[in-house]
């Protein structure tokens, strides 16, 4: 088994749910890795894409097909040794990756500046 980063991290998260509770977005900070960890492990993810979001390096890294699964993970390199994981789920599966990406793009400008 590969020792790369896992999708199901159990870090504390901020979670937003739709009024019916069926759709959600979860943002969590992972302080034990860098975005390079995902670049180095891209072969472990059938759905992998390098991105730039809000001027930060990011990756879409999923062990399954987001369109079929109704779930999508995007990891954004926030600082050295720190990644923010956005995980979106949608029951009516419109585009969970767009929701995950929008959560990151909307939240980055509100983060405190790194010192």
PDB file of N, CA and C in Angstrom:
ATOM      1  N   UNK A   1       0.836  -1.193   0.000  1.00  0.00           N
ATOM      2  CA  UNK A   1       0.000   0.000   0.000  1.00  0.00           C
ATOM      3  C   UNK A   1       0.875   1.249   0.000  1.00  0.00           C
ATOM      4  N   UNK A   2       0.453   2.257  -0.730  1.00  0.00           N
ATOM      5  CA  UNK A   2       1.182   3.509  -0.854  1.00  0.00           C
ATOM      6  C   UNK A   2       1.098   4.301   0.447  1.00  0.00           C
ATOM      7  N   UNK A   3       2.194   4.970   0.821  1.00  0.00           N
ATOM      8  CA  UNK A   3       2.218   5.777   2.047  1.00  0.00           C
ATOM      9  C   UNK A   3       1.877   7.231   1.788  1.00  0.00           C
ATOM     10  N   UNK A   4       1.280   7.547   0.638  1.00  0.00           N
ATOM     11  CA  UNK A   4       0.928   8.925   0.299  1.00  0.00           C
ATOM     12  C   UNK A   4      -0.193   9.455   1.173  1.00  0.00           C
ATOM     13  N   UNK A   5      -0.547  10.716   0.986  1.00  0.00           N
ATOM     14  CA  UNK A   5      -1.612  11.338   1.775  1.00  0.00           C
ATOM     15  C   UNK A   5      -2.957  10.683   1.505  1.00  0.00           C
ATOM     16  N   UNK A   6      -3.804  10.683   2.481  1.00  0.00           N
ATOM     17  CA  UNK A   6      -5.120  10.058   2.371  1.00  0.00           C
ATOM     18  C   UNK A   6      -6.208  11.111   2.223  1.00  0.00           C
ATOM     19  N   UNK A   7      -7.301  10.721   1.594  1.00  0.00           N
ATOM     20  CA  UNK A   7      -8.444  11.615   1.409  1.00  0.00           C
ATOM     21  C   UNK A   7      -9.191  11.813   2.726  1.00  0.00           C
ATOM     22  N   UNK A   8      -9.422  10.773   3.473  1.00  0.00           N
ATOM     23  CA  UNK A   8     -10.263  10.828   4.670  1.00  0.00           C
ATOM     24  C   UNK A   8      -9.551  11.318   5.908  1.00  0.00           C
ATOM     25  N   UNK A   9      -8.907  12.455   5.837  1.00  0.00           N
ATOM     26  CA  UNK A   9      -8.241  13.012   7.012  1.00  0.00           C
ATOM     27  C   UNK A   9      -9.272  13.332   8.089  1.00  0.00           C
ATOM     28  N   UNK A  10      -8.870  13.179   9.337  1.00  0.00           N
ATOM     29  CA  UNK A  10      -9.809  13.388  10.434  1.00  0.00           C
ATOM     30  C   UNK A  10      -9.549  14.693  11.187  1.00  0.00           C
ATOM     31  N   UNK A  11      -8.963  15.661  10.517  1.00  0.00           N
ATOM     32  CA  UNK A  11      -8.694  16.957  11.151  1.00  0.00           C
ATOM     33  C   UNK A  11     -10.009  17.672  11.463  1.00  0.00           C
ATOM     34  N   UNK A  12      -9.949  18.559  12.468  1.00  0.00           N
ATOM     35  CA  UNK A  12     -11.125  19.381  12.768  1.00  0.00           C
ATOM     36  C   UNK A  12     -11.468  20.201  11.541  1.00  0.00           C
ATOM     37  N   UNK A  13     -12.753  20.465  11.355  1.00  0.00           N
ATOM     38  CA  UNK A  13     -13.171  21.159  10.144  1.00  0.00           C
ATOM     39  C   UNK A  13     -14.314  22.123  10.414  1.00  0.00           C
ATOM     40  N   UNK A  14     -14.412  23.114   9.520  1.00  0.00           N
ATOM     41  CA  UNK A  14     -15.601  23.965   9.455  1.00  0.00           C
ATOM     42  C   UNK A  14     -16.500  23.324   8.395  1.00  0.00           C
ATOM     43  N   UNK A  15     -17.755  23.142   8.714  1.00  0.00           N
ATOM     44  CA  UNK A  15     -18.672  22.465   7.797  1.00  0.00           C
ATOM     45  C   UNK A  15     -19.880  23.346   7.543  1.00  0.00           C
ATOM     46  N   UNK A  16     -20.244  23.461   6.268  1.00  0.00           N
ATOM     47  CA  UNK A  16     -21.460  24.158   5.864  1.00  0.00           C
ATOM     48  C   UNK A  16     -22.358  23.149   5.172  1.00  0.00           C
ATOM     49  N   UNK A  17     -23.645  23.172   5.522  1.00  0.00           N
ATOM     50  CA  UNK A  17     -24.603  22.236   4.922  1.00  0.00           C
ATOM     51  C   UNK A  17     -25.734  23.008   4.265  1.00  0.00           C
ATOM     52  N   UNK A  18     -26.300  22.415   3.224  1.00  0.00           N
ATOM     53  CA  UNK A  18     -27.486  22.996   2.586  1.00  0.00           C
ATOM     54  C   UNK A  18     -28.643  22.913   3.572  1.00  0.00           C
ATOM     55  N   UNK A  19     -29.690  23.714   3.381  1.00  0.00           N
ATOM     56  CA  UNK A  19     -30.818  23.701   4.314  1.00  0.00           C
ATOM     57  C   UNK A  19     -31.420  22.300   4.533  1.00  0.00           C
ATOM     58  N   UNK A  20     -31.412  21.463   3.506  1.00  0.00           N
ATOM     59  CA  UNK A  20     -31.952  20.111   3.680  1.00  0.00           C
ATOM     60  C   UNK A  20     -30.913  19.143   4.242  1.00  0.00           C
ATOM     61  N   UNK A  21     -29.661  19.598   4.434  1.00  0.00           N
ATOM     62  CA  UNK A  21     -28.614  18.773   5.022  1.00  0.00           C
ATOM     63  C   UNK A  21     -27.997  17.756   4.088  1.00  0.00           C
ATOM     64  N   UNK A  22     -28.381  17.757   2.834  1.00  0.00           N
ATOM     65  CA  UNK A  22     -27.894  16.738   1.903  1.00  0.00           C
ATOM     66  C   UNK A  22     -26.569  17.100   1.235  1.00  0.00           C
ATOM     67  N   UNK A  23     -26.306  18.374   1.061  1.00  0.00           N
ATOM     68  CA  UNK A  23     -25.064  18.827   0.445  1.00  0.00           C
ATOM     69  C   UNK A  23     -24.204  19.518   1.503  1.00  0.00           C
ATOM     70  N   UNK A  24     -22.875  19.388   1.375  1.00  0.00           N
ATOM     71  CA  UNK A  24     -22.009  20.019   2.368  1.00  0.00           C
ATOM     72  C   UNK A  24     -20.646  20.348   1.774  1.00  0.00           C
ATOM     73  N   UNK A  25     -19.977  21.273   2.458  1.00  0.00           N
ATOM     74  CA  UNK A  25     -18.589  21.617   2.177  1.00  0.00           C
ATOM     75  C   UNK A  25     -17.865  21.626   3.513  1.00  0.00           C
ATOM     76  N   UNK A  26     -16.703  21.001   3.539  1.00  0.00           N
ATOM     77  CA  UNK A  26     -15.894  20.900   4.760  1.00  0.00           C
ATOM     78  C   UNK A  26     -14.520  21.471   4.462  1.00  0.00           C
ATOM     79  N   UNK A  27     -14.049  22.401   5.272  1.00  0.00           N
ATOM     80  CA  UNK A  27     -12.695  22.947   5.153  1.00  0.00           C
ATOM     81  C   UNK A  27     -11.918  22.565   6.407  1.00  0.00           C
ATOM     82  N   UNK A  28     -10.745  21.984   6.208  1.00  0.00           N
ATOM     83  CA  UNK A  28      -9.906  21.640   7.354  1.00  0.00           C
ATOM     84  C   UNK A  28      -8.454  21.968   7.039  1.00  0.00           C
ATOM     85  N   UNK A  29      -7.717  22.360   8.065  1.00  0.00           N
ATOM     86  CA  UNK A  29      -6.304  22.703   7.932  1.00  0.00           C
ATOM     87  C   UNK A  29      -5.480  21.493   8.342  1.00  0.00           C
ATOM     88  N   UNK A  30      -4.567  21.098   7.449  1.00  0.00           N
ATOM     89  CA  UNK A  30      -3.674  19.975   7.718  1.00  0.00           C
ATOM     90  C   UNK A  30      -2.268  20.538   7.884  1.00  0.00           C
ATOM     91  N   UNK A  31      -1.764  20.523   9.103  1.00  0.00           N
ATOM     92  CA  UNK A  31      -0.487  21.166   9.402  1.00  0.00           C
ATOM     93  C   UNK A  31       0.699  20.212   9.334  1.00  0.00           C
ATOM     94  N   UNK A  32       0.453  18.991   8.887  1.00  0.00           N
ATOM     95  CA  UNK A  32       1.514  17.993   8.891  1.00  0.00           C
ATOM     96  C   UNK A  32       2.016  17.641   7.487  1.00  0.00           C
ATOM     97  N   UNK A  33       1.720  18.474   6.470  1.00  0.00           N
ATOM     98  CA  UNK A  33       2.163  18.154   5.110  1.00  0.00           C
ATOM     99  C   UNK A  33       2.188  19.397   4.240  1.00  0.00           C
ATOM    100  N   UNK A  34       2.839  19.244   3.100  1.00  0.00           N
ATOM    101  CA  UNK A  34       2.896  20.326   2.128  1.00  0.00           C
ATOM    102  C   UNK A  34       2.160  19.889   0.867  1.00  0.00           C
ATOM    103  N   UNK A  35       1.900  20.816  -0.020  1.00  0.00           N
ATOM    104  CA  UNK A  35       1.225  20.502  -1.285  1.00  0.00           C
ATOM    105  C   UNK A  35       2.099  19.563  -2.117  1.00  0.00           C
ATOM    106  N   UNK A  36       3.423  19.620  -1.926  1.00  0.00           N
ATOM    107  CA  UNK A  36       4.345  18.741  -2.649  1.00  0.00           C
ATOM    108  C   UNK A  36       4.044  17.272  -2.376  1.00  0.00           C
ATOM    109  N   UNK A  37       3.538  16.965  -1.198  1.00  0.00           N
ATOM    110  CA  UNK A  37       3.167  15.595  -0.859  1.00  0.00           C
ATOM    111  C   UNK A  37       2.171  15.044  -1.877  1.00  0.00           C
ATOM    112  N   UNK A  38       1.242  15.883  -2.307  1.00  0.00           N
ATOM    113  CA  UNK A  38       0.237  15.458  -3.280  1.00  0.00           C
ATOM    114  C   UNK A  38       0.822  15.357  -4.684  1.00  0.00           C
ATOM    115  N   UNK A  39       1.685  16.301  -5.053  1.00  0.00           N
ATOM    116  CA  UNK A  39       2.348  16.225  -6.362  1.00  0.00           C
ATOM    117  C   UNK A  39       3.145  14.920  -6.464  1.00  0.00           C
ATOM    118  N   UNK A  40       3.835  14.576  -5.381  1.00  0.00           N
ATOM    119  CA  UNK A  40       4.673  13.379  -5.371  1.00  0.00           C
ATOM    120  C   UNK A  40       3.859  12.083  -5.354  1.00  0.00           C
ATOM    121  N   UNK A  41       2.579  12.158  -5.008  1.00  0.00           N
ATOM    122  CA  UNK A  41       1.729  10.964  -4.898  1.00  0.00           C
ATOM    123  C   UNK A  41       0.617  10.938  -5.937  1.00  0.00           C
ATOM    124  N   UNK A  42       0.746  11.718  -7.006  1.00  0.00           N
ATOM    125  CA  UNK A  42      -0.359  11.850  -7.959  1.00  0.00           C
ATOM    126  C   UNK A  42      -0.779  10.537  -8.598  1.00  0.00           C
ATOM    127  N   UNK A  43       0.116   9.576  -8.716  1.00  0.00           N
ATOM    128  CA  UNK A  43      -0.254   8.297  -9.338  1.00  0.00           C
ATOM    129  C   UNK A  43      -1.264   7.518  -8.494  1.00  0.00           C
ATOM    130  N   UNK A  44      -1.416   7.871  -7.239  1.00  0.00           N
ATOM    131  CA  UNK A  44      -2.350   7.176  -6.355  1.00  0.00           C
ATOM    132  C   UNK A  44      -3.797   7.676  -6.552  1.00  0.00           C
ATOM    133  N   UNK A  45      -3.969   8.767  -7.273  1.00  0.00           N
ATOM    134  CA  UNK A  45      -5.300   9.352  -7.463  1.00  0.00           C
ATOM    135  C   UNK A  45      -5.744   9.243  -8.924  1.00  0.00           C
ATOM    136  N   UNK A  46      -6.769   8.447  -9.218  1.00  0.00           N
ATOM    137  CA  UNK A  46      -7.282   8.367 -10.592  1.00  0.00           C
ATOM    138  C   UNK A  46      -7.786   9.720 -11.107  1.00  0.00           C
ATOM    139  N   UNK A  47      -8.285  10.560 -10.215  1.00  0.00           N
ATOM    140  CA  UNK A  47      -8.734  11.906 -10.572  1.00  0.00           C
ATOM    141  C   UNK A  47      -7.744  12.886  -9.945  1.00  0.00           C
ATOM    142  N   UNK A  48      -6.787  13.371 -10.753  1.00  0.00           N
ATOM    143  CA  UNK A  48      -5.754  14.275 -10.249  1.00  0.00           C
ATOM    144  C   UNK A  48      -5.569  15.410 -11.239  1.00  0.00           C
ATOM    145  N   UNK A  49      -5.548  16.641 -10.713  1.00  0.00           N
ATOM    146  CA  UNK A  49      -5.336  17.811 -11.555  1.00  0.00           C
ATOM    147  C   UNK A  49      -4.625  18.886 -10.747  1.00  0.00           C
ATOM    148  N   UNK A  50      -3.552  19.447 -11.295  1.00  0.00           N
ATOM    149  CA  UNK A  50      -2.860  20.560 -10.645  1.00  0.00           C
ATOM    150  C   UNK A  50      -3.622  21.843 -10.951  1.00  0.00           C
ATOM    151  N   UNK A  51      -3.779  22.694  -9.937  1.00  0.00           N
ATOM    152  CA  UNK A  51      -4.541  23.933 -10.061  1.00  0.00           C
ATOM    153  C   UNK A  51      -3.776  25.087  -9.406  1.00  0.00           C
ATOM    154  N   UNK A  52      -4.218  26.299  -9.685  1.00  0.00           N
ATOM    155  CA  UNK A  52      -3.813  27.484  -8.936  1.00  0.00           C
ATOM    156  C   UNK A  52      -5.111  28.164  -8.510  1.00  0.00           C
ATOM    157  N   UNK A  53      -5.293  28.317  -7.200  1.00  0.00           N
ATOM    158  CA  UNK A  53      -6.506  28.937  -6.665  1.00  0.00           C
ATOM    159  C   UNK A  53      -6.120  30.103  -5.769  1.00  0.00           C
ATOM    160  N   UNK A  54      -6.648  31.263  -6.052  1.00  0.00           N
ATOM    161  CA  UNK A  54      -6.351  32.466  -5.263  1.00  0.00           C
ATOM    162  C   UNK A  54      -4.842  32.637  -5.092  1.00  0.00           C
ATOM    163  N   UNK A  55      -4.091  32.451  -6.176  1.00  0.00           N
ATOM    164  CA  UNK A  55      -2.635  32.594  -6.209  1.00  0.00           C
ATOM    165  C   UNK A  55      -1.883  31.576  -5.349  1.00  0.00           C
ATOM    166  N   UNK A  56      -2.510  30.449  -5.035  1.00  0.00           N
ATOM    167  CA  UNK A  56      -1.876  29.381  -4.264  1.00  0.00           C
ATOM    168  C   UNK A  56      -1.859  28.100  -5.095  1.00  0.00           C
ATOM    169  N   UNK A  57      -0.811  27.296  -4.946  1.00  0.00           N
ATOM    170  CA  UNK A  57      -0.811  26.001  -5.632  1.00  0.00           C
ATOM    171  C   UNK A  57      -1.862  25.091  -4.989  1.00  0.00           C
ATOM    172  N   UNK A  58      -2.524  24.309  -5.818  1.00  0.00           N
ATOM    173  CA  UNK A  58      -3.568  23.410  -5.309  1.00  0.00           C
ATOM    174  C   UNK A  58      -3.629  22.177  -6.197  1.00  0.00           C
ATOM    175  N   UNK A  59      -4.272  21.134  -5.696  1.00  0.00           N
ATOM    176  CA  UNK A  59      -4.507  19.932  -6.486  1.00  0.00           C
ATOM    177  C   UNK A  59      -5.908  19.415  -6.223  1.00  0.00           C
ATOM    178  N   UNK A  60      -6.495  18.918  -7.264  1.00  0.00           N
ATOM    179  CA  UNK A  60      -7.731  18.140  -7.163  1.00  0.00           C
ATOM    180  C   UNK A  60      -7.256  16.695  -7.120  1.00  0.00           C
ATOM    181  N   UNK A  61      -7.505  16.001  -6.013  1.00  0.00           N
ATOM    182  CA  UNK A  61      -6.978  14.646  -5.829  1.00  0.00           C
ATOM    183  C   UNK A  61      -8.066  13.763  -5.231  1.00  0.00           C
ATOM    184  N   UNK A  62      -8.591  12.847  -6.061  1.00  0.00           N
ATOM    185  CA  UNK A  62      -9.690  11.988  -5.628  1.00  0.00           C
ATOM    186  C   UNK A  62      -9.407  10.538  -5.984  1.00  0.00           C
ATOM    187  N   UNK A  63      -9.768   9.653  -5.069  1.00  0.00           N
ATOM    188  CA  UNK A  63      -9.567   8.226  -5.279  1.00  0.00           C
ATOM    189  C   UNK A  63     -10.653   7.633  -6.173  1.00  0.00           C
ATOM    190  N   UNK A  64     -11.720   8.369  -6.416  1.00  0.00           N
ATOM    191  CA  UNK A  64     -12.804   7.911  -7.279  1.00  0.00           C
ATOM    192  C   UNK A  64     -13.151   8.973  -8.302  1.00  0.00           C
ATOM    193  N   UNK A  65     -14.311   8.816  -8.934  1.00  0.00           N
ATOM    194  CA  UNK A  65     -14.798   9.754  -9.933  1.00  0.00           C
ATOM    195  C   UNK A  65     -15.796  10.706  -9.259  1.00  0.00           C
ATOM    196  N   UNK A  66     -15.424  11.985  -9.086  1.00  0.00           N
ATOM    197  CA  UNK A  66     -16.318  12.921  -8.410  1.00  0.00           C
ATOM    198  C   UNK A  66     -17.713  12.996  -9.034  1.00  0.00           C
ATOM    199  N   UNK A  67     -17.806  12.918 -10.352  1.00  0.00           N
ATOM    200  CA  UNK A  67     -19.110  13.008 -11.022  1.00  0.00           C
ATOM    201  C   UNK A  67     -20.012  11.834 -10.642  1.00  0.00           C
ATOM    202  N   UNK A  68     -19.441  10.665 -10.427  1.00  0.00           N
ATOM    203  CA  UNK A  68     -20.224   9.490 -10.043  1.00  0.00           C
ATOM    204  C   UNK A  68     -20.431   9.400  -8.534  1.00  0.00           C
ATOM    205  N   UNK A  69     -19.394   9.796  -7.776  1.00  0.00           N
ATOM    206  CA  UNK A  69     -19.431   9.668  -6.319  1.00  0.00           C
ATOM    207  C   UNK A  69     -20.182  10.795  -5.627  1.00  0.00           C
ATOM    208  N   UNK A  70     -20.284  11.954  -6.293  1.00  0.00           N
ATOM    209  CA  UNK A  70     -20.920  13.110  -5.672  1.00  0.00           C
ATOM    210  C   UNK A  70     -20.067  13.729  -4.583  1.00  0.00           C
ATOM    211  N   UNK A  71     -18.734  13.537  -4.664  1.00  0.00           N
ATOM    212  CA  UNK A  71     -17.823  14.075  -3.653  1.00  0.00           C
ATOM    213  C   UNK A  71     -16.504  14.458  -4.319  1.00  0.00           C
ATOM    214  N   UNK A  72     -15.875  15.522  -3.804  1.00  0.00           N
ATOM    215  CA  UNK A  72     -14.630  15.993  -4.395  1.00  0.00           C
ATOM    216  C   UNK A  72     -13.721  16.624  -3.344  1.00  0.00           C
ATOM    217  N   UNK A  73     -12.434  16.258  -3.404  1.00  0.00           N
ATOM    218  CA  UNK A  73     -11.405  16.838  -2.542  1.00  0.00           C
ATOM    219  C   UNK A  73     -10.476  17.716  -3.355  1.00  0.00           C
ATOM    220  N   UNK A  74     -10.218  18.901  -2.826  1.00  0.00           N
ATOM    221  CA  UNK A  74      -9.196  19.784  -3.376  1.00  0.00           C
ATOM    222  C   UNK A  74      -8.314  20.209  -2.207  1.00  0.00           C
ATOM    223  N   UNK A  75      -7.003  20.174  -2.423  1.00  0.00           N
ATOM    224  CA  UNK A  75      -6.025  20.522  -1.405  1.00  0.00           C
ATOM    225  C   UNK A  75      -5.263  21.754  -1.872  1.00  0.00           C
ATOM    226  N   UNK A  76      -5.174  22.777  -1.028  1.00  0.00           N
ATOM    227  CA  UNK A  76      -4.525  24.043  -1.368  1.00  0.00           C
ATOM    228  C   UNK A  76      -3.326  24.246  -0.457  1.00  0.00           C
ATOM    229  N   UNK A  77      -2.171  24.554  -1.061  1.00  0.00           N
ATOM    230  CA  UNK A  77      -0.974  24.852  -0.275  1.00  0.00           C
ATOM    231  C   UNK A  77      -1.076  26.250   0.310  1.00  0.00           C
ATOM    232  N   UNK A  78      -1.369  26.329   1.600  1.00  0.00           N
ATOM    233  CA  UNK A  78      -1.571  27.621   2.250  1.00  0.00           C
ATOM    234  C   UNK A  78      -0.259  28.235   2.718  1.00  0.00           C
ATOM    235  N   UNK A  79       0.675  27.403   3.168  1.00  0.00           N
ATOM    236  CA  UNK A  79       1.967  27.852   3.670  1.00  0.00           C
ATOM    237  C   UNK A  79       2.897  26.640   3.669  1.00  0.00           C
ATOM    238  N   UNK A  80       4.172  26.862   3.961  1.00  0.00           N
ATOM    239  CA  UNK A  80       5.091  25.724   4.059  1.00  0.00           C
ATOM    240  C   UNK A  80       4.594  24.782   5.141  1.00  0.00           C
ATOM    241  N   UNK A  81       4.417  23.521   4.790  1.00  0.00           N
ATOM    242  CA  UNK A  81       3.985  22.536   5.771  1.00  0.00           C
ATOM    243  C   UNK A  81       2.524  22.647   6.164  1.00  0.00           C
ATOM    244  N   UNK A  82       1.714  23.343   5.369  1.00  0.00           N
ATOM    245  CA  UNK A  82       0.296  23.510   5.711  1.00  0.00           C
ATOM    246  C   UNK A  82      -0.562  23.456   4.443  1.00  0.00           C
ATOM    247  N   UNK A  83      -1.572  22.604   4.497  1.00  0.00           N
ATOM    248  CA  UNK A  83      -2.498  22.422   3.389  1.00  0.00           C
ATOM    249  C   UNK A  83      -3.915  22.610   3.917  1.00  0.00           C
ATOM    250  N   UNK A  84      -4.767  23.241   3.121  1.00  0.00           N
ATOM    251  CA  UNK A  84      -6.187  23.344   3.465  1.00  0.00           C
ATOM    252  C   UNK A  84      -6.935  22.380   2.551  1.00  0.00           C
ATOM    253  N   UNK A  85      -7.714  21.505   3.154  1.00  0.00           N
ATOM    254  CA  UNK A  85      -8.476  20.487   2.429  1.00  0.00           C
ATOM    255  C   UNK A  85      -9.924  20.948   2.334  1.00  0.00           C
ATOM    256  N   UNK A  86     -10.420  21.041   1.117  1.00  0.00           N
ATOM    257  CA  UNK A  86     -11.831  21.344   0.872  1.00  0.00           C
ATOM    258  C   UNK A  86     -12.481  20.076   0.344  1.00  0.00           C
ATOM    259  N   UNK A  87     -13.532  19.634   1.024  1.00  0.00           N
ATOM    260  CA  UNK A  87     -14.234  18.407   0.639  1.00  0.00           C
ATOM    261  C   UNK A  87     -15.712  18.729   0.499  1.00  0.00           C
ATOM    262  N   UNK A  88     -16.239  18.554  -0.703  1.00  0.00           N
ATOM    263  CA  UNK A  88     -17.641  18.856  -0.974  1.00  0.00           C
ATOM    264  C   UNK A  88     -18.396  17.583  -1.340  1.00  0.00           C
ATOM    265  N   UNK A  89     -19.639  17.496  -0.867  1.00  0.00           N
ATOM    266  CA  UNK A  89     -20.521  16.403  -1.246  1.00  0.00           C
ATOM    267  C   UNK A  89     -21.824  16.994  -1.770  1.00  0.00           C
ATOM    268  N   UNK A  90     -22.370  16.355  -2.781  1.00  0.00           N
ATOM    269  CA  UNK A  90     -23.644  16.783  -3.355  1.00  0.00           C
ATOM    270  C   UNK A  90     -24.477  15.547  -3.681  1.00  0.00           C
ATOM    271  N   UNK A  91     -25.717  15.531  -3.242  1.00  0.00           N
ATOM    272  CA  UNK A  91     -26.574  14.375  -3.525  1.00  0.00           C
ATOM    273  C   UNK A  91     -27.134  14.422  -4.939  1.00  0.00           C
ATOM    274  N   UNK A  92     -27.399  15.588  -5.446  1.00  0.00           N
ATOM    275  CA  UNK A  92     -27.916  15.690  -6.805  1.00  0.00           C
ATOM    276  C   UNK A  92     -26.794  15.887  -7.815  1.00  0.00           C
ATOM    277  N   UNK A  93     -25.590  15.644  -7.388  1.00  0.00           N
ATOM    278  CA  UNK A  93     -24.372  15.627  -8.185  1.00  0.00           C
ATOM    279  C   UNK A  93     -24.379  16.568  -9.388  1.00  0.00           C
ATOM    280  N   UNK A  94     -24.330  17.842  -9.120  1.00  0.00           N
ATOM    281  CA  UNK A  94     -24.184  18.791 -10.215  1.00  0.00           C
ATOM    282  C   UNK A  94     -22.699  18.917 -10.556  1.00  0.00           C
ATOM    283  N   UNK A  95     -21.879  19.320  -9.596  1.00  0.00           N
ATOM    284  CA  UNK A  95     -20.431  19.383  -9.784  1.00  0.00           C
ATOM    285  C   UNK A  95     -19.776  19.606  -8.422  1.00  0.00           C
ATOM    286  N   UNK A  96     -19.521  18.527  -7.683  1.00  0.00           N
ATOM    287  CA  UNK A  96     -18.939  18.703  -6.356  1.00  0.00           C
ATOM    288  C   UNK A  96     -17.569  19.374  -6.369  1.00  0.00           C
ATOM    289  N   UNK A  97     -16.806  19.226  -7.471  1.00  0.00           N
ATOM    290  CA  UNK A  97     -15.488  19.867  -7.526  1.00  0.00           C
ATOM    291  C   UNK A  97     -15.616  21.384  -7.656  1.00  0.00           C
ATOM    292  N   UNK A  98     -16.628  21.854  -8.371  1.00  0.00           N
ATOM    293  CA  UNK A  98     -16.855  23.300  -8.477  1.00  0.00           C
ATOM    294  C   UNK A  98     -17.204  23.872  -7.102  1.00  0.00           C
ATOM    295  N   UNK A  99     -17.985  23.136  -6.322  1.00  0.00           N
ATOM    296  CA  UNK A  99     -18.358  23.578  -4.974  1.00  0.00           C
ATOM    297  C   UNK A  99     -17.131  23.598  -4.058  1.00  0.00           C
ATOM    298  N   UNK A 100     -16.316  22.569  -4.134  1.00  0.00           N
ATOM    299  CA  UNK A 100     -15.103  22.500  -3.328  1.00  0.00           C
ATOM    300  C   UNK A 100     -14.147  23.640  -3.677  1.00  0.00           C
ATOM    301  N   UNK A 101     -13.986  23.905  -4.969  1.00  0.00           N
ATOM    302  CA  UNK A 101     -13.112  24.980  -5.434  1.00  0.00           C
ATOM    303  C   UNK A 101     -13.646  26.348  -5.009  1.00  0.00           C
ATOM    304  N   UNK A 102     -14.933  26.552  -5.142  1.00  0.00           N
ATOM    305  CA  UNK A 102     -15.537  27.840  -4.765  1.00  0.00           C
ATOM    306  C   UNK A 102     -15.332  28.115  -3.273  1.00  0.00           C
ATOM    307  N   UNK A 103     -15.434  27.090  -2.449  1.00  0.00           N
ATOM    308  CA  UNK A 103     -15.232  27.272  -1.002  1.00  0.00           C
ATOM    309  C   UNK A 103     -13.822  27.780  -0.712  1.00  0.00           C
ATOM    310  N   UNK A 104     -12.834  27.226  -1.394  1.00  0.00           N
ATOM    311  CA  UNK A 104     -11.453  27.692  -1.196  1.00  0.00           C
ATOM    312  C   UNK A 104     -11.266  29.106  -1.724  1.00  0.00           C
ATOM    313  N   UNK A 105     -11.710  29.358  -2.942  1.00  0.00           N
ATOM    314  CA  UNK A 105     -11.529  30.684  -3.535  1.00  0.00           C
ATOM    315  C   UNK A 105     -12.230  31.772  -2.721  1.00  0.00           C
ATOM    316  N   UNK A 106     -13.356  31.446  -2.127  1.00  0.00           N
ATOM    317  CA  UNK A 106     -14.095  32.425  -1.315  1.00  0.00           C
ATOM    318  C   UNK A 106     -13.459  32.641   0.050  1.00  0.00           C
ATOM    319  N   UNK A 107     -12.822  31.611   0.587  1.00  0.00           N
ATOM    320  CA  UNK A 107     -12.296  31.728   1.947  1.00  0.00           C
ATOM    321  C   UNK A 107     -10.885  32.291   2.021  1.00  0.00           C
ATOM    322  N   UNK A 108     -10.043  32.030   1.019  1.00  0.00           N
ATOM    323  CA  UNK A 108      -8.639  32.467   1.080  1.00  0.00           C
ATOM    324  C   UNK A 108      -8.489  33.951   1.401  1.00  0.00           C
ATOM    325  N   UNK A 109      -9.237  34.867   0.779  1.00  0.00           N
ATOM    326  CA  UNK A 109      -9.054  36.284   1.097  1.00  0.00           C
ATOM    327  C   UNK A 109      -9.360  36.644   2.556  1.00  0.00           C
ATOM    328  N   UNK A 110     -10.045  35.792   3.278  1.00  0.00           N
ATOM    329  CA  UNK A 110     -10.382  36.084   4.673  1.00  0.00           C
ATOM    330  C   UNK A 110      -9.356  35.545   5.661  1.00  0.00           C
ATOM    331  N   UNK A 111      -8.376  34.786   5.177  1.00  0.00           N
ATOM    332  CA  UNK A 111      -7.387  34.192   6.068  1.00  0.00           C
ATOM    333  C   UNK A 111      -6.388  35.249   6.523  1.00  0.00           C
ATOM    334  N   UNK A 112      -5.864  35.093   7.744  1.00  0.00           N
ATOM    335  CA  UNK A 112      -4.814  36.027   8.184  1.00  0.00           C
ATOM    336  C   UNK A 112      -3.553  35.832   7.340  1.00  0.00           C
ATOM    337  N   UNK A 113      -2.828  36.912   7.132  1.00  0.00           N
ATOM    338  CA  UNK A 113      -1.611  36.842   6.319  1.00  0.00           C
ATOM    339  C   UNK A 113      -0.542  36.041   7.074  1.00  0.00           C
ATOM    340  N   UNK A 114       0.212  35.250   6.354  1.00  0.00           N
ATOM    341  CA  UNK A 114       1.310  34.482   6.952  1.00  0.00           C
ATOM    342  C   UNK A 114       2.432  35.437   7.341  1.00  0.00           C
ATOM    343  N   UNK A 115       3.076  35.148   8.430  1.00  0.00           N
ATOM    344  CA  UNK A 115       4.178  36.006   8.896  1.00  0.00           C
ATOM    345  C   UNK A 115       5.465  35.247   8.908  1.00  0.00           C
TER     346      UNK A 115
END
